C-alpha cells in the first residue's frame, strides 16, 4: 500500500499539472503557465530519488537489498571456508600432540598428566563439535526443488521442536493452501529457525501463531509471537550476518535470520517484519506467478 501511495504521489501531480497548464488554462487564455512544467518535473524527480532510497519505489529498493544479501552470503562462504580449513588443521595437530603426550604419560604412569591430557581432549572435542555445528549453519547444499504443500512442511517443522515449547502454545491457521516449488529441507530449516527465535523471545511463555493466507499477488506465511518485540534501532539489522542480541553464552551465532532471508530470496520471495512491544510478526511472501511449475 505504501509503495502504491508513493508511486501515485510521484506520477499523478506532474501529469495533472501538465494537463491543466497545457489544455485547461490555455482554453481560458493563459498561454504561459506551461513553462512551470519544468519546475514540477524537477520537484517530482527529487521526491522520486528520496523515496527510492528511503522507502523503495516499484520494488527497486528490494532488488538492491537482494544484491546486498547475495554479496553478504558469498563473503560468509569464502571467509568460513578459510576459517574452517585453518581450525581443522590446528585441531588435528592438537589431537596428534595429545596422543603422543598420552602415550608418554602411560609409560611414566603419571596420573596427573593423564588427567590434564583428558581435559585437553575434552576441549578439543568441544571445538570440533562447535566447528561442525557452525559449519552446518552456513553450508548451503544444492537445492532439490519440487512441489511441496507448505502445511505439511510447517507441521513437520513444529513436530521436530515440540519438546522445546514448555509453556509456549502454537496456534496454526491454514486459511490458504500454499503449494510452492521449493527445497523442502531448506524450508523446514527456515521455519524451525523462526519458531526458535519466537521461543527465545518468550522466556516466560506465550503464544506463537502460524497463519497461511494469500493476497492477489502473494502467498503469505506469517509467524508471530507475543514476546517483547524488537526495538526500532535493532530492527533494520536483524538480517545482517552475525548480528545477534543474544547473550555471549548463547549458542546463537547471529546467522539464523540471515540464512532464512537467503533461502526465501533464493526461492523468489522476501520477508517483511512488523514488531511492537507486544510481539513480532515475520511475513514470508512469495509471488504466485513464480510457482506455476
Protein backbone atom coordinates (compact mmCIF):
# COMPACT_ATOMS: atom_id res chain seq x y z
CA UNK A 1 0.00 0.00 0.00
CA UNK A 2 2.79 2.41 0.88
CA UNK A 3 4.60 1.59 -2.36
CA UNK A 4 1.42 2.31 -4.35
CA UNK A 5 0.87 5.57 -2.44
CA UNK A 6 4.35 6.94 -3.19
CA UNK A 7 4.15 5.80 -6.81
CA UNK A 8 0.89 7.72 -7.26
CA UNK A 9 2.36 10.72 -5.43
CA UNK A 10 5.25 10.83 -7.89
CA UNK A 11 3.38 10.42 -11.17
CA UNK A 12 -0.12 11.88 -10.68
CA UNK A 13 0.79 15.50 -9.67
CA UNK A 14 3.09 16.26 -12.66
CA UNK A 15 0.70 14.61 -15.13
CA UNK A 16 -2.26 16.52 -13.69
CA UNK A 17 -0.28 19.77 -13.68
CA UNK A 18 0.71 19.24 -17.33
CA UNK A 19 -2.89 18.60 -18.37
CA UNK A 20 -4.13 21.70 -16.54
CA UNK A 21 -1.44 24.08 -17.86
CA UNK A 22 -1.36 22.73 -21.42
CA UNK A 23 -5.07 22.40 -22.04
CA UNK A 24 -7.42 23.79 -19.39
CA UNK A 25 -5.62 27.08 -18.64
CA UNK A 26 -4.81 27.56 -22.31
CA UNK A 27 -8.52 27.28 -23.09
CA UNK A 28 -9.04 30.23 -20.73
CA UNK A 29 -6.38 32.29 -22.48
CA UNK A 30 -3.39 31.56 -20.24
CA UNK A 31 -0.62 30.57 -22.66
CA UNK A 32 2.38 30.92 -20.32
CA UNK A 33 1.65 28.53 -17.42
CA UNK A 34 3.10 25.55 -19.30
CA UNK A 35 6.56 26.99 -18.60
CA UNK A 36 6.20 25.84 -14.98
CA UNK A 37 6.04 22.18 -16.05
CA UNK A 38 9.83 22.02 -15.81
CA UNK A 39 9.71 23.06 -12.15
CA UNK A 40 7.07 20.43 -11.39
CA UNK A 41 9.15 17.73 -13.09
CA UNK A 42 12.24 18.71 -11.07
CA UNK A 43 10.25 18.60 -7.81
CA UNK A 44 8.73 15.21 -8.68
CA UNK A 45 12.10 13.77 -9.71
CA UNK A 46 13.70 14.96 -6.45
CA UNK A 47 10.90 13.33 -4.47
CA UNK A 48 11.38 10.15 -6.53
CA UNK A 49 15.09 9.97 -5.66
CA UNK A 50 14.46 10.50 -1.93
CA UNK A 51 11.65 7.92 -1.88
CA UNK A 52 13.73 5.46 -3.86
CA UNK A 53 16.38 5.20 -1.17
CA UNK A 54 14.18 5.74 1.89
CA UNK A 55 11.07 3.71 1.08
CA UNK A 56 11.56 1.95 -2.25
CA UNK A 57 9.60 2.64 -5.42
CA UNK A 58 8.38 -0.03 -7.87
CA UNK A 59 10.32 -2.62 -5.80
CA UNK A 60 13.66 -1.14 -6.86
CA UNK A 61 14.81 -0.92 -3.26
CA UNK A 62 14.01 -4.57 -2.76
CA UNK A 63 16.32 -5.50 -5.64
CA UNK A 64 19.14 -3.51 -4.06
CA UNK A 65 18.68 -5.43 -0.80
CA UNK A 66 18.73 -8.75 -2.62
CA UNK A 67 22.06 -7.88 -4.20
CA UNK A 68 23.41 -6.91 -0.78
CA UNK A 69 22.37 -10.21 0.79
CA UNK A 70 23.81 -12.21 -2.10
CA UNK A 71 27.16 -10.47 -1.67
CA UNK A 72 26.99 -10.94 2.12
CA UNK A 73 26.39 -14.67 1.81
CA UNK A 74 29.24 -15.04 -0.69
CA UNK A 75 31.54 -13.28 1.77
CA UNK A 76 30.41 -15.66 4.53
CA UNK A 77 31.08 -18.72 2.35
CA UNK A 78 34.61 -17.62 1.49
CA UNK A 79 35.53 -16.48 5.00
CA UNK A 80 34.09 -19.57 6.65
CA UNK A 81 35.81 -21.95 4.24
CA UNK A 82 39.17 -20.38 5.10
CA UNK A 83 38.44 -20.38 8.84
CA UNK A 84 37.17 -23.96 8.74
CA UNK A 85 40.29 -25.18 6.92
CA UNK A 86 42.62 -23.40 9.35
CA UNK A 87 40.86 -24.60 12.51
CA UNK A 88 40.64 -28.19 11.30
CA UNK A 89 44.38 -28.25 10.68
CA UNK A 90 45.12 -26.84 14.13
CA UNK A 91 42.70 -29.25 15.81
CA UNK A 92 44.37 -32.18 14.03
CA UNK A 93 47.74 -31.03 15.40
CA UNK A 94 46.31 -30.80 18.92
CA UNK A 95 44.92 -34.32 18.66
CA UNK A 96 48.29 -35.63 17.47
CA UNK A 97 50.14 -33.95 20.35
CA UNK A 98 47.56 -35.26 22.83
CA UNK A 99 48.07 -38.84 21.65
CA UNK A 100 51.84 -38.53 21.99
CA UNK A 101 51.54 -36.99 25.45
CA UNK A 102 49.05 -39.68 26.48
CA UNK A 103 51.44 -42.39 25.35
CA UNK A 104 54.28 -40.79 27.32
CA UNK A 105 52.09 -40.37 30.44
CA UNK A 106 51.08 -44.05 30.30
CA UNK A 107 54.71 -45.09 30.06
CA UNK A 108 55.61 -42.90 33.04
CA UNK A 109 52.45 -43.85 34.96
CA UNK A 110 51.82 -40.14 35.52
CA UNK A 111 48.15 -39.97 36.50
CA UNK A 112 48.14 -36.19 36.95
CA UNK A 113 49.44 -35.67 33.42
CA UNK A 114 46.86 -38.16 32.09
CA UNK A 115 44.10 -36.19 33.80
CA UNK A 116 45.32 -32.94 32.23
CA UNK A 117 45.51 -34.60 28.82
CA UNK A 118 41.92 -35.81 29.16
CA UNK A 119 40.86 -32.23 29.92
CA UNK A 120 42.64 -31.03 26.79
CA UNK A 121 40.96 -33.77 24.72
CA UNK A 122 37.55 -32.72 26.01
CA UNK A 123 38.26 -29.13 24.96
CA UNK A 124 39.38 -30.34 21.52
CA UNK A 125 36.20 -32.41 21.14
CA UNK A 126 34.14 -29.37 22.11
CA UNK A 127 35.95 -27.30 19.48
CA UNK A 128 35.23 -29.97 16.87
CA UNK A 129 31.54 -30.08 17.79
CA UNK A 130 31.26 -26.29 17.75
CA UNK A 131 33.02 -26.08 14.39
CA UNK A 132 30.78 -28.77 12.90
CA UNK A 133 27.65 -27.06 14.19
CA UNK A 134 28.80 -23.69 12.88
CA UNK A 135 29.69 -25.21 9.52
CA UNK A 136 26.26 -26.82 9.22
CA UNK A 137 24.62 -23.44 9.84
CA UNK A 138 26.29 -21.72 6.92
CA UNK A 139 26.70 -24.58 4.45
CA UNK A 140 24.08 -24.46 1.71
CA UNK A 141 23.71 -27.74 -0.10
CA UNK A 142 22.41 -27.85 -3.65
CA UNK A 143 18.67 -27.31 -3.83
CA UNK A 144 16.35 -30.24 -4.53
CA UNK A 145 13.19 -28.45 -5.56
CA UNK A 146 9.78 -29.94 -6.15
CA UNK A 147 6.17 -29.03 -5.43
CA UNK A 148 5.56 -29.08 -1.69
CA UNK A 149 2.50 -28.49 0.48
CA UNK A 150 3.63 -25.85 2.97
CA UNK A 151 1.15 -27.00 5.60
CA UNK A 152 2.86 -30.41 5.72
CA UNK A 153 6.31 -28.79 5.84
CA UNK A 154 5.23 -26.49 8.68
CA UNK A 155 3.69 -29.34 10.69
CA UNK A 156 6.87 -31.40 10.36
CA UNK A 157 8.92 -28.40 11.48
CA UNK A 158 6.73 -27.83 14.54
CA UNK A 159 6.84 -31.54 15.46
CA UNK A 160 10.64 -31.55 15.38
CA UNK A 161 10.86 -28.89 18.12
CA UNK A 162 7.67 -29.54 20.08
CA UNK A 163 9.71 -30.81 23.03
CA UNK A 164 11.21 -27.32 23.39
CA UNK A 165 7.91 -25.46 23.73
CA UNK A 166 7.43 -25.81 27.51
CA UNK A 167 4.93 -23.05 28.44
CA UNK A 168 4.50 -21.90 24.85
CA UNK A 169 1.43 -22.66 22.75
CA UNK A 170 1.42 -22.83 18.95
CA UNK A 171 -1.75 -21.87 17.10
CA UNK A 172 -2.00 -22.71 13.40
CA UNK A 173 -4.46 -21.20 10.97
CA UNK A 174 -4.19 -22.52 7.43
CA UNK A 175 -6.71 -20.29 5.66
CA UNK A 176 -4.98 -20.86 2.36
CA UNK A 177 -3.46 -23.98 0.82
CA UNK A 178 0.03 -22.94 -0.25
CA UNK A 179 1.91 -25.12 -2.73
CA UNK A 180 5.44 -23.94 -3.52
CA UNK A 181 8.07 -25.27 -5.88
CA UNK A 182 10.87 -25.38 -3.34
CA UNK A 183 13.52 -27.28 -1.41
CA UNK A 184 11.63 -28.91 1.47
CA UNK A 185 14.63 -29.33 3.77
CA UNK A 186 15.67 -25.70 3.42
CA UNK A 187 12.14 -24.51 4.19
CA UNK A 188 11.98 -26.74 7.27
CA UNK A 189 15.19 -25.12 8.48
CA UNK A 190 13.70 -21.67 7.84
CA UNK A 191 10.52 -22.48 9.79
CA UNK A 192 12.47 -24.06 12.66
CA UNK A 193 14.82 -21.06 12.86
CA UNK A 194 11.94 -18.62 13.04
CA UNK A 195 10.00 -20.64 15.60
CA UNK A 196 13.12 -20.98 17.77
CA UNK A 197 13.59 -17.21 17.60
CA UNK A 198 9.99 -16.79 18.73
CA UNK A 199 10.56 -19.22 21.62
CA UNK A 200 13.65 -17.28 22.75
CA UNK A 201 11.62 -14.05 22.64
CA UNK A 202 9.17 -15.50 25.20
CA UNK A 203 11.20 -16.88 28.15
CA UNK A 204 8.13 -16.73 30.40
CA UNK A 205 5.81 -18.42 27.93
CA UNK A 206 3.39 -17.12 25.37
CA UNK A 207 1.79 -17.94 22.04
CA UNK A 208 3.21 -18.49 18.57
CA UNK A 209 0.73 -18.02 15.75
CA UNK A 210 1.23 -19.51 12.30
CA UNK A 211 -1.08 -18.11 9.64
CA UNK A 212 -1.27 -19.04 5.94
CA UNK A 213 -3.07 -16.58 3.69
CA UNK A 214 -2.87 -15.10 0.23
CA UNK A 215 -3.32 -11.76 -1.47
CA UNK A 216 -3.88 -11.02 -5.13
CA UNK A 217 -0.13 -11.29 -5.83
CA UNK A 218 1.41 -13.27 -2.98
CA UNK A 219 1.34 -16.49 -0.98
CA UNK A 220 1.90 -15.30 2.61
CA UNK A 221 3.24 -17.33 5.54
CA UNK A 222 3.12 -15.43 8.84
CA UNK A 223 4.85 -16.44 12.07
CA UNK A 224 4.00 -14.25 15.08
CA UNK A 225 4.95 -14.28 18.75
CA UNK A 226 3.74 -12.47 21.86
CA UNK A 227 7.21 -11.62 23.11
CA UNK A 228 8.79 -8.29 23.98
CA UNK A 229 9.25 -7.23 20.36
CA UNK A 230 12.26 -5.69 18.63
CA UNK A 231 13.21 -2.06 19.17
CA UNK A 232 13.38 0.34 16.22
CA UNK A 233 17.17 0.65 16.43
CA UNK A 234 17.69 -3.11 16.18
CA UNK A 235 15.02 -3.93 13.59
CA UNK A 236 16.94 -2.76 10.48
CA UNK A 237 19.89 -5.02 11.38
CA UNK A 238 18.27 -8.35 12.26
CA UNK A 239 19.06 -9.94 8.88
CA UNK A 240 22.70 -8.85 8.85
CA UNK A 241 25.24 -11.71 9.05
CA UNK A 242 26.47 -12.42 12.61
CA UNK A 243 24.22 -9.75 14.13
CA UNK A 244 22.69 -11.00 17.36
CA UNK A 245 21.17 -9.57 20.52
CA UNK A 246 21.66 -12.83 22.42
CA UNK A 247 23.95 -13.09 25.42
CA UNK A 248 27.55 -14.12 24.88
CA UNK A 249 26.88 -17.54 26.43
CA UNK A 250 24.14 -18.22 23.92
CA UNK A 251 24.79 -20.78 21.18
CA UNK A 252 23.27 -18.36 18.70
CA UNK A 253 25.77 -17.31 16.03
CA UNK A 254 23.71 -14.50 14.56
CA UNK A 255 23.24 -16.23 11.20
CA UNK A 256 19.81 -17.86 11.62
CA UNK A 257 17.78 -14.99 10.17
CA UNK A 258 20.44 -14.34 7.53
CA UNK A 259 20.00 -17.94 6.43
CA UNK A 260 16.21 -17.55 6.38
CA UNK A 261 16.45 -14.38 4.30
CA UNK A 262 18.85 -16.03 1.86
CA UNK A 263 16.69 -19.14 1.35
CA UNK A 264 13.49 -17.12 0.91
CA UNK A 265 15.16 -14.85 -1.65
CA UNK A 266 16.61 -17.86 -3.49
CA UNK A 267 13.01 -19.01 -3.92
CA UNK A 268 11.89 -15.65 -5.31
CA UNK A 269 10.32 -14.31 -2.12
CA UNK A 270 11.06 -11.73 0.55
CA UNK A 271 10.47 -11.23 4.28
CA UNK A 272 8.64 -8.36 5.96
CA UNK A 273 8.90 -7.74 9.71
CA UNK A 274 6.50 -5.91 11.99
CA UNK A 275 7.38 -5.53 15.64
CA UNK A 276 5.71 -3.84 18.57
CA UNK A 277 6.09 -4.12 22.33
CA UNK A 278 3.53 -6.91 22.33
CA UNK A 279 5.32 -9.13 19.80
CA UNK A 280 6.86 -9.62 16.37
CA UNK A 281 5.42 -10.87 13.08
CA UNK A 282 7.51 -12.26 10.22
CA UNK A 283 5.70 -12.41 6.88
CA UNK A 284 7.25 -14.61 4.19
CA UNK A 285 5.84 -13.53 0.83
CA UNK A 286 6.18 -15.47 -2.42
CA UNK A 287 4.84 -14.19 -5.77
CA UNK A 288 2.20 -16.54 -7.12
CA UNK A 289 3.50 -16.37 -10.67
CA UNK A 290 6.87 -17.81 -9.56
CA UNK A 291 5.36 -21.15 -8.55
CA UNK A 292 3.36 -22.23 -11.57
CA UNK A 293 5.73 -25.11 -12.36
